[in-house]
C-alpha atoms as a PDB file:
ATOM      1  CA  MET A   1     -20.238  44.802 -37.309  1.00  0.00           C
ATOM      2  CA  VAL A   2     -20.703  42.379 -34.427  1.00  0.00           C
ATOM      3  CA  ILE A   3     -17.821  40.101 -33.497  1.00  0.00           C
ATOM      4  CA  ALA A   4     -17.083  37.448 -30.909  1.00  0.00           C
ATOM      5  CA  VAL A   5     -13.669  37.971 -29.342  1.00  0.00           C
ATOM      6  CA  GLY A   6     -11.953  34.661 -28.761  1.00  0.00           C
ATOM      7  CA  GLU A   7      -8.692  33.594 -27.224  1.00  0.00           C
ATOM      8  CA  PRO A   8      -5.546  35.749 -27.280  1.00  0.00           C
ATOM      9  CA  PHE A   9      -3.500  35.109 -30.415  1.00  0.00           C
ATOM     10  CA  HIS A  10      -0.196  36.963 -30.041  1.00  0.00           C
ATOM     11  CA  ALA A  11       1.284  39.919 -28.175  1.00  0.00           C
ATOM     12  CA  VAL A  12       4.196  42.028 -29.398  1.00  0.00           C
ATOM     13  CA  VAL A  13       6.149  44.816 -27.747  1.00  0.00           C
ATOM     14  CA  HIS A  14       8.010  46.897 -30.312  1.00  0.00           C
ATOM     15  CA  HIS A  15      10.327  49.799 -29.564  1.00  0.00           C
ATOM     16  CA  TYR A  16      10.049  52.737 -31.930  1.00  0.00           C
ATOM     17  CA  GLY A  17      12.147  55.900 -31.647  1.00  0.00           C
ATOM     18  CA  TYR A  18       9.392  57.615 -29.659  1.00  0.00           C
ATOM     19  CA  GLY A  19       8.916  54.696 -27.262  1.00  0.00           C
ATOM     20  CA  PRO A  20       7.512  51.191 -26.967  1.00  0.00           C
ATOM     21  CA  ILE A  21       4.085  50.013 -28.071  1.00  0.00           C
ATOM     22  CA  LYS A  22       2.302  46.782 -27.198  1.00  0.00           C
ATOM     23  CA  LEU A  23       0.015  45.080 -29.703  1.00  0.00           C
ATOM     24  CA  GLN A  24      -2.305  42.413 -28.336  1.00  0.00           C
ATOM     25  CA  THR A  25      -4.229  40.404 -30.925  1.00  0.00           C
ATOM     26  CA  PHE A  26      -7.135  38.004 -30.510  1.00  0.00           C
ATOM     27  CA  LEU A  27      -8.808  35.368 -32.659  1.00  0.00           C
ATOM     28  CA  CYS A  28     -12.281  36.667 -33.533  1.00  0.00           C
ATOM     29  CA  SER A  29     -15.350  35.592 -35.485  1.00  0.00           C
ATOM     30  CA  ILE A  30     -17.788  37.780 -37.384  1.00  0.00           C
ATOM     31  CA  LEU A  31     -21.302  37.265 -36.034  1.00  0.00           C
ATOM     32  CA  ASP A  32     -23.125  39.897 -38.079  1.00  0.00           C
ATOM     33  CA  GLY A  33     -22.424  42.659 -40.565  1.00  0.00           C
ATOM     34  CA  GLU A  34     -19.591  43.411 -42.954  1.00  0.00           C
ATOM     35  CA  PRO A  35     -16.192  45.002 -42.291  1.00  0.00           C
ATOM     36  CA  ARG A  36     -15.754  48.544 -43.587  1.00  0.00           C
ATOM     37  CA  ALA A  37     -12.797  50.883 -43.714  1.00  0.00           C
ATOM     38  CA  SER A  38     -12.889  53.605 -41.085  1.00  0.00           C
ATOM     39  CA  VAL A  39      -9.199  54.454 -40.643  1.00  0.00           C
ATOM     40  CA  HIS A  40      -7.658  53.060 -43.831  1.00  0.00           C
ATOM     41  CA  ASN A  41      -8.692  53.675 -47.438  1.00  0.00           C
ATOM     42  CA  GLU A  42      -9.518  50.087 -48.253  1.00  0.00           C
ATOM     43  CA  LEU A  43     -10.029  46.580 -46.836  1.00  0.00           C
ATOM     44  CA  ARG A  44      -9.325  43.258 -48.565  1.00  0.00           C
ATOM     45  CA  TRP A  45      -9.729  39.598 -47.717  1.00  0.00           C
ATOM     46  CA  VAL A  46      -6.446  37.899 -48.616  1.00  0.00           C
ATOM     47  CA  THR A  47      -4.891  34.523 -48.030  1.00  0.00           C
ATOM     48  CA  PRO A  48      -2.084  34.265 -45.473  1.00  0.00           C
ATOM     49  CA  GLU A  49       0.420  33.800 -48.316  1.00  0.00           C
ATOM     50  CA  GLU A  50      -0.769  37.028 -49.990  1.00  0.00           C
ATOM     51  CA  MET A  51      -0.191  38.990 -46.792  1.00  0.00           C
ATOM     52  CA  MET A  52       3.559  39.071 -47.365  1.00  0.00           C
ATOM     53  CA  SER A  53       3.078  41.223 -50.483  1.00  0.00           C
ATOM     54  CA  PHE A  54       1.867  44.116 -48.304  1.00  0.00           C
ATOM     55  CA  ASP A  55       3.982  46.706 -46.505  1.00  0.00           C
ATOM     56  CA  PHE A  56       3.416  46.281 -42.751  1.00  0.00           C
ATOM     57  CA  ALA A  57       4.705  48.391 -39.895  1.00  0.00           C
ATOM     58  CA  PRO A  58       7.642  46.761 -38.081  1.00  0.00           C
ATOM     59  CA  ALA A  59       5.505  46.050 -34.999  1.00  0.00           C
ATOM     60  CA  ASP A  60       3.005  44.124 -37.153  1.00  0.00           C
ATOM     61  CA  LEU A  61       5.515  41.729 -38.727  1.00  0.00           C
ATOM     62  CA  PRO A  62       5.727  39.161 -35.879  1.00  0.00           C
ATOM     63  CA  ILE A  63       1.913  38.970 -35.800  1.00  0.00           C
ATOM     64  CA  VAL A  64       1.717  38.507 -39.579  1.00  0.00           C
ATOM     65  CA  ALA A  65       4.405  35.800 -39.442  1.00  0.00           C
ATOM     66  CA  ARG A  66       2.521  33.942 -36.716  1.00  0.00           C
ATOM     67  CA  LEU A  67      -0.761  34.287 -38.619  1.00  0.00           C
ATOM     68  CA  ILE A  68       0.812  32.798 -41.737  1.00  0.00           C
ATOM     69  CA  GLY A  69       2.126  29.866 -39.703  1.00  0.00           C
ATOM     70  CA  HIS A  70      -1.219  29.433 -37.900  1.00  0.00           C
ATOM     71  CA  GLN A  71      -3.084  28.174 -40.977  1.00  0.00           C
END
């Protein structure tokens, strides 16, 4: 897949029991190809409202909340 990485979207620092992690997300566009699962079992295109029905890691939740509000 070929993508164009755009502007930064949101950064989160989350502290887990083993230490902190930083997630930096960007707005991107698909230029060519199709997404495919390489780490997870499946991929789905969903609406922002549908995202809340999934079980996200605690560090992901602020990014998901901002994405839903970004519509």
